[in-house]
Amino acid sequence: MSNDSDQAWQGHSPSTPLATPRRRWPWVLLMLIVLGLAGAGAVYAWPEIAMVVPSLGREAASKDSAAGDKEALPDLLASHQKVEADLATLGRTVADQQEQLKTLVDQLAALTSKVDALQRSAPAPALTAPVAAEPQRPPVAQAAPKPRKPPATRAPKPAGPISTGGAPLN
C-alpha cells in the first residue's frame, strides 16, 4: 500500500515550501534598463562635465583666465561704482518723493477737516433761516383748462348708384 500512495504523490508538489526556481529574466531586464538610463545620462552630461566637477574645469582654464581677469577687473570696478552711484541717486529720489507724498497727505487732511467743519456749521443756519426769512406766499391760481373742440363731423355717405369703370349711370 505504501507503493500506491507514493506513486499517487509523485505527480503533486509537496506541501512543504522548498526552494522553487525563480525567474531571473525580469531582474536582468531591470538591470539593463537602469544601466542604459545611466549611460544616457552620462552621454548627456559629458559636455558639461567641467561644471559638474569643478576641479577639472579649473586646471585648464586657470592659465588663460588669469590674464583675462586682470584685464576685466578695472571694467568691473568702474561698473560697480556706477551702479553704487545709481543706487544712491535712486535712494535720494525715493526719499524726496516720500517727503512730497507726506506733505500732500498732510495738506489733504487739513482740507478735509476744513470741509467737515464747513459742512457741520452750514446746515444748522440753513434750516432756520429759510423758514423765518421766507414769507408765506398766497396760493397761485391755476389757469382754467382750454375747452375741447368738438370733433369734426364726417360727410355722410352718398346714397344712390355708384359708377364703376367710368360709365354713366343714366
Protein backbone atom coordinates (compact mmCIF):
# COMPACT_ATOMS: atom_id res chain seq x y z
CA MET A 1 0.00 0.00 0.00
CA SER A 2 2.83 2.35 0.61
CA ASN A 3 3.82 1.91 -3.01
CA ASP A 4 0.41 3.04 -4.22
CA SER A 5 0.45 6.14 -2.06
CA ASP A 6 4.00 7.01 -3.13
CA GLN A 7 3.01 6.81 -6.76
CA ALA A 8 -0.04 8.99 -6.16
CA TRP A 9 2.03 11.73 -4.54
CA GLN A 10 4.81 11.73 -7.09
CA GLY A 11 2.78 13.84 -9.53
CA HIS A 12 1.92 16.51 -6.95
CA SER A 13 4.13 19.15 -5.40
CA PRO A 14 4.95 18.60 -1.75
CA SER A 15 3.06 20.67 0.82
CA THR A 16 6.25 21.91 2.49
CA PRO A 17 7.76 25.02 0.92
CA LEU A 18 11.01 24.17 -0.73
CA ALA A 19 13.17 26.47 -2.83
CA THR A 20 11.35 26.95 -6.10
CA PRO A 21 13.23 28.01 -9.20
CA ARG A 22 12.70 31.75 -9.73
CA ARG A 23 12.56 33.60 -12.97
CA ARG A 24 15.62 35.71 -13.46
CA TRP A 25 14.79 37.46 -16.72
CA PRO A 26 12.73 40.35 -15.12
CA TRP A 27 15.67 41.23 -12.89
CA VAL A 28 18.13 41.06 -15.75
CA LEU A 29 15.84 43.30 -17.84
CA LEU A 30 15.53 45.80 -14.99
CA MET A 31 19.30 45.95 -14.54
CA LEU A 32 19.78 46.52 -18.30
CA ILE A 33 17.26 49.38 -18.26
CA VAL A 34 18.96 51.01 -15.26
CA LEU A 35 22.38 50.72 -16.90
CA GLY A 36 21.00 52.11 -20.17
CA LEU A 37 19.49 55.15 -18.40
CA ALA A 38 22.72 55.76 -16.51
CA GLY A 39 24.68 55.60 -19.77
CA ALA A 40 22.28 58.02 -21.47
CA GLY A 41 22.64 60.43 -18.55
CA ALA A 42 26.41 60.23 -18.76
CA VAL A 43 26.36 60.97 -22.51
CA TYR A 44 24.04 63.94 -21.91
CA ALA A 45 26.16 65.34 -19.06
CA TRP A 46 29.58 64.78 -20.71
CA PRO A 47 29.77 68.24 -22.39
CA GLU A 48 29.02 69.92 -19.04
CA ILE A 49 31.37 67.71 -17.02
CA ALA A 50 33.54 70.74 -16.19
CA MET A 51 30.55 72.32 -14.47
CA VAL A 52 29.69 69.09 -12.66
CA VAL A 53 33.22 68.52 -11.40
CA PRO A 54 34.71 71.96 -10.68
CA SER A 55 38.28 70.70 -10.19
CA LEU A 56 38.53 69.50 -13.80
CA GLY A 57 37.50 72.87 -15.20
CA ARG A 58 39.93 74.90 -13.07
CA GLU A 59 43.09 73.23 -14.24
CA ALA A 60 42.64 74.05 -17.91
CA ALA A 61 41.10 77.48 -17.51
CA SER A 62 43.32 78.85 -14.75
CA LYS A 63 46.21 79.75 -17.10
CA ASP A 64 44.10 81.61 -19.67
CA SER A 65 41.69 83.21 -17.27
CA ALA A 66 44.36 84.85 -15.09
CA ALA A 67 45.27 87.28 -17.88
CA GLY A 68 41.63 87.89 -18.78
CA ASP A 69 40.71 88.54 -15.14
CA LYS A 70 43.36 91.21 -14.81
CA GLU A 71 42.07 92.98 -17.91
CA ALA A 72 38.41 92.80 -16.85
CA LEU A 73 38.96 93.89 -13.25
CA PRO A 74 39.08 97.68 -13.91
CA ASP A 75 35.92 97.47 -16.04
CA LEU A 76 34.14 95.57 -13.30
CA LEU A 77 35.21 98.06 -10.64
CA ALA A 78 34.07 101.00 -12.78
CA SER A 79 30.69 99.42 -13.43
CA HIS A 80 30.37 98.59 -9.72
CA GLN A 81 30.99 102.23 -8.78
CA LYS A 82 28.48 103.38 -11.39
CA VAL A 83 25.84 101.01 -10.02
CA GLU A 84 26.51 102.26 -6.48
CA ALA A 85 26.09 105.88 -7.64
CA ASP A 86 22.86 105.00 -9.45
CA LEU A 87 21.52 103.27 -6.34
CA ALA A 88 22.37 106.29 -4.19
CA THR A 89 20.60 108.58 -6.68
CA LEU A 90 17.55 106.34 -6.68
CA GLY A 91 17.55 106.29 -2.87
CA ARG A 92 17.57 110.09 -2.75
CA THR A 93 14.80 110.28 -5.34
CA VAL A 94 12.63 107.85 -3.37
CA ALA A 95 13.22 109.83 -0.17
CA ASP A 96 12.23 113.08 -1.91
CA GLN A 97 9.08 111.50 -3.29
CA GLN A 98 8.16 110.17 0.14
CA GLU A 99 8.56 113.67 1.63
CA GLN A 100 6.36 115.14 -1.11
CA LEU A 101 3.77 112.44 -0.54
CA LYS A 102 3.75 113.12 3.19
CA THR A 103 3.29 116.85 2.52
CA LEU A 104 0.39 116.15 0.16
CA VAL A 105 -1.25 113.82 2.68
CA ASP A 106 -0.96 116.48 5.40
CA GLN A 107 -2.48 119.11 3.09
CA LEU A 108 -5.29 116.74 2.16
CA ALA A 109 -6.01 116.04 5.83
CA ALA A 110 -6.14 119.80 6.57
CA LEU A 111 -8.52 120.42 3.64
CA THR A 112 -10.72 117.52 4.69
CA SER A 113 -11.01 118.86 8.22
CA LYS A 114 -11.90 122.33 6.86
CA VAL A 115 -14.59 120.85 4.59
CA ASP A 116 -16.01 118.86 7.51
CA ALA A 117 -16.10 121.98 9.68
CA LEU A 118 -17.89 123.93 6.94
CA GLN A 119 -20.42 121.15 6.43
CA ARG A 120 -21.18 120.98 10.18
CA SER A 121 -21.69 124.71 10.52
CA ALA A 122 -23.56 125.32 7.25
CA PRO A 123 -26.68 123.09 7.60
CA ALA A 124 -27.83 124.44 11.00
CA PRO A 125 -28.41 128.09 9.88
CA ALA A 126 -29.74 126.94 6.54
CA LEU A 127 -32.67 125.16 8.20
CA THR A 128 -33.73 128.05 10.43
CA ALA A 129 -33.07 130.96 8.04
CA PRO A 130 -35.35 129.95 5.13
CA VAL A 131 -38.30 129.24 7.43
CA ALA A 132 -38.11 132.58 9.25
CA ALA A 133 -36.98 134.77 6.35
CA GLU A 134 -39.32 133.46 3.71
CA PRO A 135 -42.84 134.93 3.95
CA GLN A 136 -45.72 132.73 3.04
CA ARG A 137 -47.00 133.31 -0.45
CA PRO A 138 -50.61 133.28 -1.39
CA PRO A 139 -51.66 130.26 -3.40
CA VAL A 140 -51.30 130.72 -7.12
CA ALA A 141 -54.50 130.40 -9.10
CA GLN A 142 -54.29 127.74 -11.72
CA ALA A 143 -55.30 128.59 -15.24
CA ALA A 144 -58.57 127.13 -16.42
CA PRO A 145 -58.19 124.31 -18.92
CA LYS A 146 -58.96 125.15 -22.51
CA PRO A 147 -62.26 123.84 -23.79
CA ARG A 148 -62.05 120.98 -26.23
CA LYS A 149 -63.12 121.43 -29.77
CA PRO A 150 -65.82 119.06 -30.89
CA PRO A 151 -64.59 116.52 -33.38
CA ALA A 152 -65.17 117.39 -37.00
CA THR A 153 -68.30 115.81 -38.42
CA ARG A 154 -67.89 113.42 -41.27
CA ALA A 155 -69.61 113.87 -44.54
CA PRO A 156 -72.50 111.44 -44.98
CA LYS A 157 -72.03 108.56 -47.35
CA PRO A 158 -73.59 109.20 -50.76
CA ALA A 159 -76.77 107.32 -51.33
CA GLY A 160 -77.65 106.12 -54.76
CA PRO A 161 -75.97 104.41 -57.65
CA ILE A 162 -72.17 104.45 -57.86
CA SER A 163 -70.34 104.33 -61.14
CA THR A 164 -67.63 101.75 -61.54
CA GLY A 165 -65.48 101.90 -64.60
CA GLY A 166 -66.49 105.45 -65.60
CA ALA A 167 -69.71 104.63 -67.46
CA PRO A 168 -72.70 106.98 -66.99
CA LEU A 169 -75.39 105.76 -64.63
CA ASN A 170 -78.48 107.04 -66.63
